[in-house]
Amino acid sequence: MQAYPNYNTNSQLDYSAEQLRLPLDLSVKIEKTDLMWTFLEVIREVNLNKYLKKHRGNQGHDNRMMMKTVLLAYMNQVYSLREMEEKCRTDIRFMYLSEEENPSHMAFQRFINNQLKGNISDIFTEIICEKTGADTRILYLDGTMIEANANKFTFVWKKTAEKSLKKSLARVREVIANIEKDTDLKYEYKELTSDHLNGFAVKVFNYCAEKEIRFVYGKGKRKTPIQRSYDELRKHTAKIEECAEKIDICGDDRNSYSKTDHDATFMHMKYDHYMNTGVFKPGYNIQLGESDEYIRHIRVGNNRTDTRTFIPFMEGYQERYDELPGIIVADAGYGSYDNYMWCLTHQTDAYIKYQLYEKEKTAEFRKQKYRKENLLHEENGKLLCPKGREFVYKFDRVSKKTDYLCISQVWECRTCNRCPYRKSCTKSKGNRRDKINAAGDELREAARERLDSAVGKQLREQRCIQAEGTFGIIKNDWNYVRLHRRGFENVENEIYLVCIGFNLMKYHHKKMRKILS
């Protein structure tokens, strides 16, 4: 007999009314102090249409909606495209901005590549100029290394390629000499280029075909001398092409690159530098300039040091805003003759440390009696060593490493051979020589006076807070320590998005402080 359930009208059923809920406006559930409203306040004043390209056919997702979603994602430290896709399905703020559409990660990828490339710099400029109202008289400059999206074992060193190229060229000369000895062929060119060598290899092959010299390969086969020379010529020609390509990719300014990202340079990251690990990793040099806690300018490069990045950075700043800041504050990584001269010619106050600024204040430095900075002094127009022996002017030397004209005077002490302190004073075989750059010394003296003043101390303190603090927030608080994209253009695009998110978040925090105070 079939058993039927006992329906009791008085019993309570496990009833859920979730299916009966009506769709409500998502904005009602978002708090009024949420950062999304600050984001919309700023983005409404930006004319996004002039940065968006129109295309025929299926329009897909709305470009304005996609741009707002991407910028809000970077404001919330969301860097992964798949995470953006998930946010549009689960986060109520992204659902509100995306109008409850669910763009895929590939849709975000296509939008960033097709719409934002080439325009992101202008979007950054308009956002920072329209709403922030930052005080631009003072610019705090700092740089850092960020690891590239490349394997650390894919290094290519320029010096190694140059050595291999030199060995291959020497071996090719021997092979050509053997071929000319065994045949009546002559190498008609003076230069050993890959095109000429390939053409000469074709002549050797045709010569063997005419003489009915068979080429044999495989185990147990004996090659003729001309075939061995031909095979070596082909092998070394391929090696020459490979080395020449590696040297060309490195260029004049770099000594290495990564096989998976040719624009990345192998360098010490901050951790490797301070911990002396000796590990090189592929990375990019990111330069940021801050004013009033906002990022004002960005430069992405592959230089291993900050010294050579200062002038291109400031030229890019001037091109962006048609003006220069009145005061530039930077650390000792930017203190060079060229950088001081650039600030002097552009009438900008440079509160920039030089390399020995901090070290020369220590007691250990002053105890080093035989340093040029401590020993040599001027009396009645003469340079004297600590023992009172006179230095004599020898000649002028013009530096070839600087962009601005830099002339140094070379002075020599004539009586070092009879000095009992010679071993402690100099390591040269002859007399001690020192270069005196009067212009450089004057620039450093002026920088020392500015840095030691009350204003200089305050600016140096603010640089630690603003410039270094910005990288502290991005790298430590936001955990942005490694790039997600490859190639210089893609990396620059990514850094701009991160900096736009930082400025928007900074504006939101300042706005909340005013409301709560």
Protein backbone atom coordinates (compact mmCIF):
# COMPACT_ATOMS: atom_id res chain seq x y z
CA MET A 1 0.00 0.00 0.00
CA GLN A 2 1.48 3.40 -1.05
CA ALA A 3 2.20 5.81 1.74
CA TYR A 4 1.18 9.42 1.24
CA PRO A 5 2.65 12.35 3.15
CA ASN A 6 0.57 13.68 5.99
CA TYR A 7 -0.40 17.23 5.10
CA ASN A 8 -1.22 19.03 8.29
CA THR A 9 -2.52 22.56 7.86
CA ASN A 10 -1.38 23.49 11.33
CA SER A 11 2.28 22.39 10.81
CA GLN A 12 4.92 25.00 9.88
CA LEU A 13 6.75 24.46 6.59
CA ASP A 14 10.35 25.46 5.82
CA TYR A 15 9.35 28.30 3.52
CA SER A 16 11.67 30.79 1.79
CA ALA A 17 10.50 33.88 -0.13
CA GLU A 18 13.76 34.63 -1.94
CA GLN A 19 12.18 34.04 -5.33
CA LEU A 20 9.50 36.62 -4.57
CA ARG A 21 11.95 39.55 -4.09
CA LEU A 22 11.64 42.31 -6.65
CA PRO A 23 14.78 43.84 -8.28
CA LEU A 24 15.71 47.09 -6.53
CA ASP A 25 18.01 49.96 -7.49
CA LEU A 26 21.52 48.88 -6.48
CA SER A 27 22.53 52.42 -5.58
CA VAL A 28 20.20 52.32 -2.58
CA LYS A 29 22.38 49.69 -0.91
CA ILE A 30 25.68 51.55 -1.45
CA GLU A 31 26.65 53.83 1.41
CA LYS A 32 26.91 57.53 0.68
CA THR A 33 30.49 57.61 2.01
CA ASP A 34 31.61 54.83 -0.30
CA LEU A 35 34.54 55.60 -2.59
CA MET A 36 32.42 54.82 -5.66
CA TRP A 37 30.53 58.10 -5.26
CA THR A 38 33.81 60.02 -5.07
CA PHE A 39 34.93 58.22 -8.20
CA LEU A 40 31.77 59.18 -10.06
CA GLU A 41 32.09 62.77 -8.85
CA VAL A 42 35.52 63.04 -10.46
CA ILE A 43 34.81 61.05 -13.59
CA ARG A 44 31.69 63.10 -14.48
CA GLU A 45 33.91 66.14 -15.06
CA VAL A 46 36.13 64.25 -17.50
CA ASN A 47 35.07 64.18 -21.14
CA LEU A 48 35.56 60.48 -21.83
CA ASN A 49 34.07 60.59 -25.32
CA LYS A 50 37.12 62.28 -26.84
CA TYR A 51 39.31 59.36 -25.73
CA LEU A 52 37.03 56.57 -26.95
CA LYS A 53 37.25 55.30 -30.50
CA LYS A 54 34.15 54.41 -32.50
CA HIS A 55 33.95 51.27 -34.59
CA ARG A 56 31.43 49.74 -36.93
CA GLY A 57 29.58 46.51 -36.49
CA ASN A 58 28.68 44.95 -33.16
CA GLN A 59 29.43 47.50 -30.48
CA GLY A 60 29.61 44.98 -27.65
CA HIS A 61 29.75 46.57 -24.23
CA ASP A 62 29.44 50.33 -23.83
CA ASN A 63 32.89 51.93 -23.86
CA ARG A 64 32.07 54.51 -21.20
CA MET A 65 30.87 51.76 -18.89
CA MET A 66 34.02 49.72 -19.55
CA MET A 67 36.29 52.67 -18.81
CA LYS A 68 34.54 53.46 -15.54
CA THR A 69 34.73 49.81 -14.49
CA VAL A 70 38.46 49.54 -15.29
CA LEU A 71 39.34 52.78 -13.46
CA LEU A 72 37.28 51.79 -10.42
CA ALA A 73 39.00 48.39 -10.42
CA TYR A 74 42.47 49.97 -10.20
CA MET A 75 41.18 52.35 -7.54
CA ASN A 76 40.26 49.21 -5.52
CA GLN A 77 43.65 47.52 -6.22
CA VAL A 78 42.15 45.05 -8.68
CA TYR A 79 44.79 44.38 -11.35
CA SER A 80 43.74 40.99 -12.73
CA LEU A 81 41.34 40.89 -15.66
CA ARG A 82 39.69 37.74 -14.36
CA GLU A 83 39.19 39.40 -10.99
CA MET A 84 37.51 42.33 -12.77
CA GLU A 85 35.18 39.84 -14.43
CA GLU A 86 34.35 38.30 -11.04
CA LYS A 87 33.77 41.71 -9.43
CA CYS A 88 31.15 42.56 -12.05
CA ARG A 89 29.22 39.47 -10.91
CA THR A 90 29.64 39.69 -7.15
CA ASP A 91 30.50 43.27 -6.06
CA ILE A 92 27.50 45.56 -5.84
CA ARG A 93 29.53 48.66 -6.80
CA PHE A 94 30.83 47.07 -9.99
CA MET A 95 27.37 45.71 -10.77
CA TYR A 96 25.99 49.24 -10.50
CA LEU A 97 28.67 50.74 -12.76
CA SER A 98 28.48 47.93 -15.33
CA GLU A 99 24.67 48.23 -15.39
CA GLU A 100 24.51 44.56 -14.33
CA GLU A 101 26.34 43.42 -17.46
CA ASN A 102 29.02 40.75 -17.13
CA PRO A 103 31.99 41.61 -19.38
CA SER A 104 34.47 38.76 -19.73
CA HIS A 105 38.17 39.10 -19.02
CA MET A 106 38.83 39.09 -22.77
CA ALA A 107 36.41 41.99 -23.19
CA PHE A 108 38.45 43.97 -20.66
CA GLN A 109 41.64 42.96 -22.44
CA ARG A 110 40.36 44.15 -25.83
CA PHE A 111 39.11 47.41 -24.34
CA ILE A 112 42.45 48.21 -22.68
CA ASN A 113 44.41 47.38 -25.83
CA ASN A 114 42.10 49.10 -28.31
CA GLN A 115 40.80 52.08 -26.35
CA LEU A 116 43.23 53.04 -23.60
CA LYS A 117 46.57 52.62 -25.37
CA GLY A 118 47.79 55.99 -26.52
CA ASN A 119 45.11 57.85 -24.54
CA ILE A 120 45.84 56.86 -20.95
CA SER A 121 48.43 59.63 -20.49
CA ASP A 122 45.90 62.30 -21.50
CA ILE A 123 43.25 60.77 -19.23
CA PHE A 124 45.72 60.86 -16.35
CA THR A 125 46.49 64.53 -17.02
CA GLU A 126 42.85 65.56 -17.21
CA ILE A 127 41.93 63.75 -13.99
CA ILE A 128 44.83 65.26 -12.03
CA CYS A 129 44.12 68.78 -13.36
CA GLU A 130 40.33 68.86 -13.20
CA LYS A 131 39.51 67.96 -9.63
CA THR A 132 42.50 67.66 -7.33
CA GLY A 133 43.62 71.31 -7.30
CA ALA A 134 47.08 70.31 -6.12
CA ASP A 135 49.79 72.83 -5.23
CA THR A 136 52.30 72.42 -8.05
CA ARG A 137 55.06 74.74 -6.86
CA ILE A 138 57.03 71.89 -5.26
CA LEU A 139 57.76 68.56 -6.96
CA TYR A 140 59.05 65.60 -4.95
CA LEU A 141 60.84 63.10 -7.15
CA ASP A 142 61.70 59.47 -6.48
CA GLY A 143 62.11 56.21 -8.38
CA THR A 144 61.90 52.49 -7.75
CA MET A 145 62.44 49.17 -9.51
CA ILE A 146 59.44 46.93 -10.17
CA GLU A 147 59.95 43.36 -11.30
CA ALA A 148 58.82 42.59 -14.83
CA ASN A 149 56.50 39.78 -15.86
CA ALA A 150 59.42 37.67 -17.05
CA ASN A 151 61.42 34.70 -15.83
CA LYS A 152 64.62 35.65 -13.99
CA PHE A 153 66.57 32.89 -15.81
CA THR A 154 65.90 34.31 -19.30
CA PHE A 155 68.75 36.83 -19.16
CA VAL A 156 70.85 37.93 -22.13
CA TRP A 157 74.02 39.91 -21.37
CA LYS A 158 75.38 42.35 -23.90
CA LYS A 159 79.04 41.77 -22.99
CA THR A 160 78.65 38.02 -23.41
CA ALA A 161 77.11 38.56 -26.85
CA GLU A 162 79.98 40.88 -27.81
CA LYS A 163 82.58 38.30 -26.72
CA SER A 164 80.79 35.54 -28.64
CA LEU A 165 80.59 37.78 -31.70
CA LYS A 166 84.31 38.48 -31.53
CA LYS A 167 85.16 34.77 -31.28
CA SER A 168 82.82 33.86 -34.15
CA LEU A 169 84.32 36.54 -36.39
CA ALA A 170 87.83 35.28 -35.64
CA ARG A 171 86.78 31.71 -36.43
CA VAL A 172 85.06 32.79 -39.65
CA ARG A 173 88.29 34.41 -40.86
CA GLU A 174 90.08 31.10 -40.37
CA VAL A 175 87.33 29.21 -42.22
CA ILE A 176 87.43 31.66 -45.14
CA ALA A 177 91.20 31.29 -45.29
CA ASN A 178 90.84 27.48 -45.47
CA ILE A 179 88.21 27.73 -48.21
CA GLU A 180 90.37 30.10 -50.26
CA LYS A 181 93.27 27.71 -49.80
CA ASP A 182 91.32 24.61 -50.94
CA THR A 183 89.42 26.31 -53.79
CA ASP A 184 89.85 29.16 -56.24
CA LEU A 185 87.08 31.17 -54.53
CA LYS A 186 87.84 34.58 -53.01
CA TYR A 187 85.95 36.51 -50.37
CA GLU A 188 85.48 39.89 -52.05
CA TYR A 189 84.30 41.99 -49.10
CA LYS A 190 86.24 43.69 -46.32
CA GLU A 191 83.48 43.46 -43.71
CA LEU A 192 82.25 40.17 -42.27
CA THR A 193 78.52 40.81 -42.30
CA SER A 194 75.91 38.07 -42.21
CA ASP A 195 74.62 38.97 -45.70
CA HIS A 196 78.08 38.79 -47.25
CA LEU A 197 78.88 35.54 -45.43
CA ASN A 198 75.62 33.94 -46.55
CA GLY A 199 76.35 34.99 -50.13
CA PHE A 200 79.85 33.52 -49.89
CA ALA A 201 78.39 30.26 -48.50
CA VAL A 202 76.13 30.01 -51.56
CA LYS A 203 79.18 30.37 -53.81
CA VAL A 204 80.91 27.56 -51.91
CA PHE A 205 77.83 25.33 -52.26
CA ASN A 206 77.61 26.01 -56.02
CA TYR A 207 81.33 25.33 -56.37
CA CYS A 208 80.91 21.92 -54.68
CA ALA A 209 77.97 21.15 -56.98
CA GLU A 210 80.05 21.97 -60.06
CA LYS A 211 82.96 19.84 -58.82
CA GLU A 212 80.52 17.03 -57.91
CA ILE A 213 81.59 17.06 -54.27
CA ARG A 214 78.87 15.25 -52.35
CA PHE A 215 77.77 16.42 -48.94
CA VAL A 216 77.28 13.52 -46.51
CA TYR A 217 75.73 13.54 -43.04
CA GLY A 218 75.14 10.93 -40.40
CA LYS A 219 77.06 8.44 -38.34
CA GLY A 220 79.96 6.69 -40.06
CA LYS A 221 80.13 9.20 -42.94
CA ARG A 222 83.41 11.03 -43.57
CA LYS A 223 83.11 14.65 -44.65
CA THR A 224 85.44 16.27 -47.11
CA PRO A 225 87.54 19.25 -45.95
CA ILE A 226 85.49 21.64 -48.07
CA GLN A 227 82.23 20.33 -46.55
CA ARG A 228 83.59 20.76 -43.03
CA SER A 229 84.57 24.34 -43.87
CA TYR A 230 81.15 24.97 -45.41
CA ASP A 231 79.32 23.62 -42.34
CA GLU A 232 81.46 25.70 -39.99
CA LEU A 233 80.85 28.79 -42.12
CA ARG A 234 77.10 28.27 -41.88
CA LYS A 235 77.25 27.63 -38.11
CA HIS A 236 79.35 30.68 -37.30
CA THR A 237 77.30 32.88 -39.64
CA ALA A 238 74.15 31.92 -37.72
CA LYS A 239 75.98 32.69 -34.46
CA ILE A 240 77.03 36.10 -35.79
CA GLU A 241 73.41 36.90 -36.71
CA GLU A 242 72.23 35.83 -33.26
CA CYS A 243 74.84 37.91 -31.43
CA ALA A 244 74.22 40.95 -33.62
CA GLU A 245 70.49 40.72 -32.89
CA LYS A 246 71.12 40.54 -29.12
CA ILE A 247 73.42 43.57 -29.22
CA ASP A 248 70.87 45.50 -31.28
CA ILE A 249 68.07 44.72 -28.79
CA CYS A 250 70.22 45.93 -25.89
CA GLY A 251 71.04 49.18 -27.68
CA ASP A 252 73.49 51.78 -26.38
CA ASP A 253 71.92 52.38 -22.95
CA ARG A 254 71.46 48.82 -21.64
CA ASN A 255 73.69 45.85 -20.92
CA SER A 256 71.01 43.14 -20.69
CA TYR A 257 67.44 42.15 -21.49
CA SER A 258 65.02 39.28 -20.91
CA LYS A 259 64.10 36.76 -23.59
CA THR A 260 60.43 36.87 -22.56
CA ASP A 261 60.29 40.68 -22.36
CA HIS A 262 62.88 42.43 -24.51
CA ASP A 263 62.16 45.82 -22.95
CA ALA A 264 62.97 44.65 -19.41
CA THR A 265 66.51 45.10 -18.04
CA PHE A 266 68.16 42.90 -15.44
CA MET A 267 68.82 44.90 -12.30
CA HIS A 268 68.90 44.66 -8.51
CA MET A 269 65.51 45.10 -6.89
CA LYS A 270 65.33 47.03 -3.59
CA TYR A 271 65.46 43.84 -1.53
CA ASP A 272 68.41 42.43 -3.48
CA HIS A 273 70.29 45.73 -3.25
CA TYR A 274 70.00 46.19 0.50
CA MET A 275 70.36 42.50 1.40
CA ASN A 276 73.36 41.99 -0.93
CA THR A 277 71.88 38.83 -2.41
CA GLY A 278 73.67 39.30 -5.74
CA VAL A 279 70.49 38.32 -7.61
CA PHE A 280 69.51 40.15 -10.80
CA LYS A 281 65.88 40.21 -11.89
CA PRO A 282 64.21 41.67 -15.00
CA GLY A 283 62.48 44.91 -14.19
CA TYR A 284 61.58 48.48 -15.09
CA ASN A 285 62.63 51.77 -13.50
CA ILE A 286 59.52 53.72 -12.47
CA GLN A 287 59.92 57.46 -11.82
CA LEU A 288 57.13 59.37 -10.05
CA GLY A 289 56.84 63.06 -9.24
CA GLU A 290 54.44 64.10 -6.45
CA SER A 291 52.95 67.47 -5.57
CA ASP A 292 50.64 67.95 -2.60
CA GLU A 293 50.46 64.14 -2.15
CA TYR A 294 49.22 63.56 -5.73
CA ILE A 295 51.21 61.91 -8.51
CA ARG A 296 51.82 64.61 -11.10
CA HIS A 297 54.06 62.91 -13.63
CA ILE A 298 55.18 59.39 -14.54
CA ARG A 299 58.09 58.01 -16.51
CA VAL A 300 58.67 54.33 -17.24
CA GLY A 301 62.20 53.38 -18.30
CA ASN A 302 64.67 50.54 -18.27
CA ASN A 303 67.70 52.40 -16.86
CA ARG A 304 69.34 50.75 -13.89
CA THR A 305 70.07 54.06 -12.13
CA ASP A 306 68.11 57.26 -11.53
CA THR A 307 70.83 59.72 -12.55
CA ARG A 308 70.18 59.66 -16.30
CA THR A 309 66.40 59.74 -15.90
CA PHE A 310 66.12 63.20 -14.34
CA ILE A 311 66.38 65.38 -17.46
CA PRO A 312 64.01 63.22 -19.61
CA PHE A 313 61.56 63.17 -16.69
CA MET A 314 61.54 66.95 -16.31
CA GLU A 315 61.29 67.48 -20.07
CA GLY A 316 58.24 65.20 -20.11
CA TYR A 317 56.78 67.16 -17.18
CA GLN A 318 57.24 70.44 -19.08
CA GLU A 319 55.67 68.95 -22.20
CA ARG A 320 52.66 67.76 -20.19
CA TYR A 321 51.90 70.98 -18.26
CA ASP A 322 53.74 73.68 -20.30
CA GLU A 323 55.52 74.78 -17.14
CA LEU A 324 58.10 73.66 -14.60
CA PRO A 325 57.84 73.50 -10.81
CA GLY A 326 59.66 76.19 -8.87
CA ILE A 327 61.31 73.70 -6.49
CA ILE A 328 62.50 70.16 -7.14
CA VAL A 329 63.34 67.89 -4.21
CA ALA A 330 65.15 64.59 -4.81
CA ASP A 331 67.63 62.23 -3.16
CA ALA A 332 71.30 61.60 -3.91
CA GLY A 333 70.49 59.32 -6.85
CA TYR A 334 69.79 62.44 -8.95
CA GLY A 335 72.74 64.56 -7.78
CA SER A 336 74.97 64.91 -10.84
CA TYR A 337 76.67 67.74 -12.73
CA ASP A 338 74.22 67.54 -15.64
CA ASN A 339 71.16 67.61 -13.38
CA TYR A 340 72.41 70.59 -11.39
CA MET A 341 73.24 72.46 -14.60
CA TRP A 342 69.79 71.69 -16.05
CA CYS A 343 68.08 73.14 -12.97
CA LEU A 344 70.36 76.18 -13.10
CA THR A 345 69.66 76.91 -16.77
CA HIS A 346 65.90 76.44 -16.27
CA GLN A 347 65.80 78.70 -13.17
CA THR A 348 64.55 75.95 -10.87
CA ASP A 349 65.67 75.60 -7.25
CA ALA A 350 67.23 72.17 -6.91
CA TYR A 351 67.05 70.71 -3.42
CA ILE A 352 68.87 67.62 -4.65
CA LYS A 353 71.43 65.77 -2.58
CA TYR A 354 74.80 64.84 -4.07
CA GLN A 355 76.43 61.48 -3.46
CA LEU A 356 78.62 62.48 -0.50
CA TYR A 357 76.08 64.75 1.21
CA GLU A 358 75.18 62.36 4.01
CA LYS A 359 78.56 60.65 4.18
CA GLU A 360 80.67 63.78 4.56
CA LYS A 361 78.86 64.64 7.81
CA THR A 362 80.03 61.48 9.56
CA ALA A 363 83.09 61.30 11.80
CA GLU A 364 84.38 58.29 9.88
CA PHE A 365 84.53 60.34 6.68
CA ARG A 366 86.41 63.19 8.36
CA LYS A 367 88.94 60.73 9.73
CA GLN A 368 89.95 59.67 6.21
CA LYS A 369 92.87 62.05 6.04
CA TYR A 370 93.98 61.31 2.51
CA ARG A 371 90.70 61.96 0.71
CA LYS A 372 90.74 64.84 -1.72
CA GLU A 373 87.81 66.51 0.05
CA ASN A 374 89.68 66.47 3.38
CA LEU A 375 93.34 66.93 2.47
CA LEU A 376 93.69 69.48 -0.27
CA HIS A 377 93.12 73.11 0.62
CA GLU A 378 93.83 76.39 -1.07
CA GLU A 379 96.26 78.97 0.32
CA ASN A 380 97.18 82.06 -1.69
CA GLY A 381 95.87 80.44 -4.85
CA LYS A 382 97.92 77.26 -4.40
CA LEU A 383 96.84 73.69 -3.72
CA LEU A 384 98.73 71.98 -0.91
CA CYS A 385 98.76 68.43 0.41
CA PRO A 386 98.52 67.81 4.18
CA LYS A 387 102.29 67.78 4.46
CA GLY A 388 102.47 71.24 2.92
CA ARG A 389 103.74 70.12 -0.48
CA GLU A 390 102.55 72.10 -3.45
CA PHE A 391 100.43 70.78 -6.30
CA VAL A 392 101.20 72.03 -9.79
CA TYR A 393 98.66 72.59 -12.54
CA LYS A 394 99.15 70.20 -15.48
CA PHE A 395 96.32 70.48 -18.03
CA ASP A 396 92.55 70.74 -18.56
CA ARG A 397 90.40 67.71 -19.23
CA VAL A 398 87.00 67.88 -20.94
CA SER A 399 84.54 65.20 -19.84
CA LYS A 400 82.85 63.20 -22.60
CA LYS A 401 80.27 61.62 -20.29
CA THR A 402 78.26 64.77 -19.57
CA ASP A 403 75.72 66.55 -21.76
CA TYR A 404 76.79 69.98 -20.50
CA LEU A 405 80.34 71.22 -20.96
CA CYS A 406 82.42 70.03 -18.00
CA ILE A 407 86.08 71.06 -17.76
CA SER A 408 88.28 69.78 -14.94
CA GLN A 409 91.76 70.93 -14.02
CA VAL A 410 94.33 68.21 -13.38
CA TRP A 411 96.84 69.00 -10.61
CA GLU A 412 99.90 66.94 -9.75
CA CYS A 413 102.18 66.74 -6.72
CA ARG A 414 105.80 66.57 -7.89
CA THR A 415 107.43 65.18 -4.76
CA CYS A 416 105.41 62.04 -4.03
CA ASN A 417 108.42 59.77 -4.60
CA ARG A 418 110.15 61.06 -1.45
CA CYS A 419 107.02 61.18 0.73
CA PRO A 420 106.88 58.59 3.57
CA TYR A 421 103.04 58.57 3.37
CA ARG A 422 102.92 57.71 -0.33
CA LYS A 423 101.30 54.28 0.10
CA SER A 424 98.49 55.74 2.19
CA CYS A 425 98.01 58.75 -0.05
CA THR A 426 97.95 57.35 -3.59
CA LYS A 427 98.01 54.08 -5.51
CA SER A 428 99.35 55.53 -8.76
CA LYS A 429 102.80 54.54 -10.01
CA GLY A 430 103.83 58.17 -10.46
CA ASN A 431 102.92 61.29 -8.56
CA ARG A 432 99.44 61.82 -7.17
CA ARG A 433 97.01 63.58 -9.48
CA ASP A 434 93.63 65.08 -8.65
CA LYS A 435 90.92 66.57 -10.82
CA ILE A 436 89.43 69.83 -9.61
CA ASN A 437 86.10 70.81 -11.17
CA ALA A 438 85.46 74.36 -9.99
CA ALA A 439 81.97 74.57 -11.53
CA GLY A 440 80.93 71.24 -10.01
CA ASP A 441 82.27 72.24 -6.59
CA GLU A 442 80.34 75.50 -6.76
CA LEU A 443 77.12 73.68 -7.68
CA ARG A 444 77.55 71.24 -4.82
CA GLU A 445 78.30 74.04 -2.38
CA ALA A 446 75.11 75.86 -3.42
CA ALA A 447 73.13 72.61 -3.06
CA ARG A 448 74.62 72.08 0.42
CA GLU A 449 73.52 75.53 1.53
CA ARG A 450 69.98 74.98 0.31
CA LEU A 451 69.69 71.51 1.87
CA ASP A 452 71.07 72.63 5.26
CA SER A 453 68.71 75.59 5.50
CA ALA A 454 65.48 75.46 7.51
CA VAL A 455 63.42 75.25 4.31
CA GLY A 456 65.68 72.51 2.98
CA LYS A 457 65.25 70.38 6.09
CA GLN A 458 61.48 70.71 5.88
CA LEU A 459 61.45 69.81 2.17
CA ARG A 460 63.68 66.77 2.76
CA GLU A 461 61.30 65.59 5.46
CA GLN A 462 58.30 66.04 3.16
CA ARG A 463 60.05 64.15 0.36
CA CYS A 464 60.37 61.10 2.62
CA ILE A 465 56.67 61.35 3.43
CA GLN A 466 55.28 62.05 -0.03
CA ALA A 467 57.66 60.55 -2.60
CA GLU A 468 58.81 57.49 -0.68
CA GLY A 469 55.41 57.17 0.99
CA THR A 470 53.73 56.84 -2.40
CA PHE A 471 55.85 53.84 -3.32
CA GLY A 472 55.28 52.44 0.17
CA ILE A 473 51.52 52.53 -0.33
CA ILE A 474 51.62 51.10 -3.86
CA LYS A 475 54.17 48.35 -3.21
CA ASN A 476 53.45 47.36 0.40
CA ASP A 477 49.85 48.35 1.18
CA TRP A 478 48.52 47.57 -2.29
CA ASN A 479 50.91 44.62 -2.79
CA TYR A 480 51.84 45.82 -6.27
CA VAL A 481 55.36 44.42 -6.50
CA ARG A 482 55.31 42.74 -9.91
CA LEU A 483 54.00 43.83 -13.29
CA HIS A 484 51.21 41.90 -14.97
CA ARG A 485 51.93 42.79 -18.60
CA ARG A 486 54.90 42.62 -20.94
CA GLY A 487 56.35 45.12 -23.36
CA PHE A 488 57.17 48.77 -22.77
CA GLU A 489 53.86 50.13 -24.09
CA ASN A 490 51.76 47.68 -22.07
CA VAL A 491 53.80 48.29 -18.91
CA GLU A 492 53.46 52.07 -19.28
CA ASN A 493 49.72 51.66 -19.77
CA GLU A 494 49.49 49.55 -16.60
CA ILE A 495 51.53 51.99 -14.48
CA TYR A 496 49.33 54.89 -15.57
CA LEU A 497 46.22 52.96 -14.51
CA VAL A 498 47.76 52.22 -11.10
CA CYS A 499 48.68 55.90 -10.62
CA ILE A 500 45.19 57.06 -11.65
CA GLY A 501 43.76 54.71 -9.03
CA PHE A 502 46.18 56.12 -6.45
CA ASN A 503 45.21 59.73 -7.18
CA LEU A 504 41.50 58.90 -7.03
CA MET A 505 41.95 57.11 -3.72
CA LYS A 506 44.02 60.01 -2.35
CA TYR A 507 41.29 62.48 -3.35
CA HIS A 508 38.67 60.30 -1.66
CA HIS A 509 40.65 60.15 1.62
CA LYS A 510 41.17 63.93 1.63
CA LYS A 511 37.48 64.45 0.96
CA MET A 512 36.50 62.15 3.85
CA ARG A 513 38.88 63.92 6.22
CA LYS A 514 37.21 67.24 5.45
CA ILE A 515 33.74 65.77 6.00
CA LEU A 516 34.64 64.10 9.29
CA SER A 517 36.63 67.01 10.69
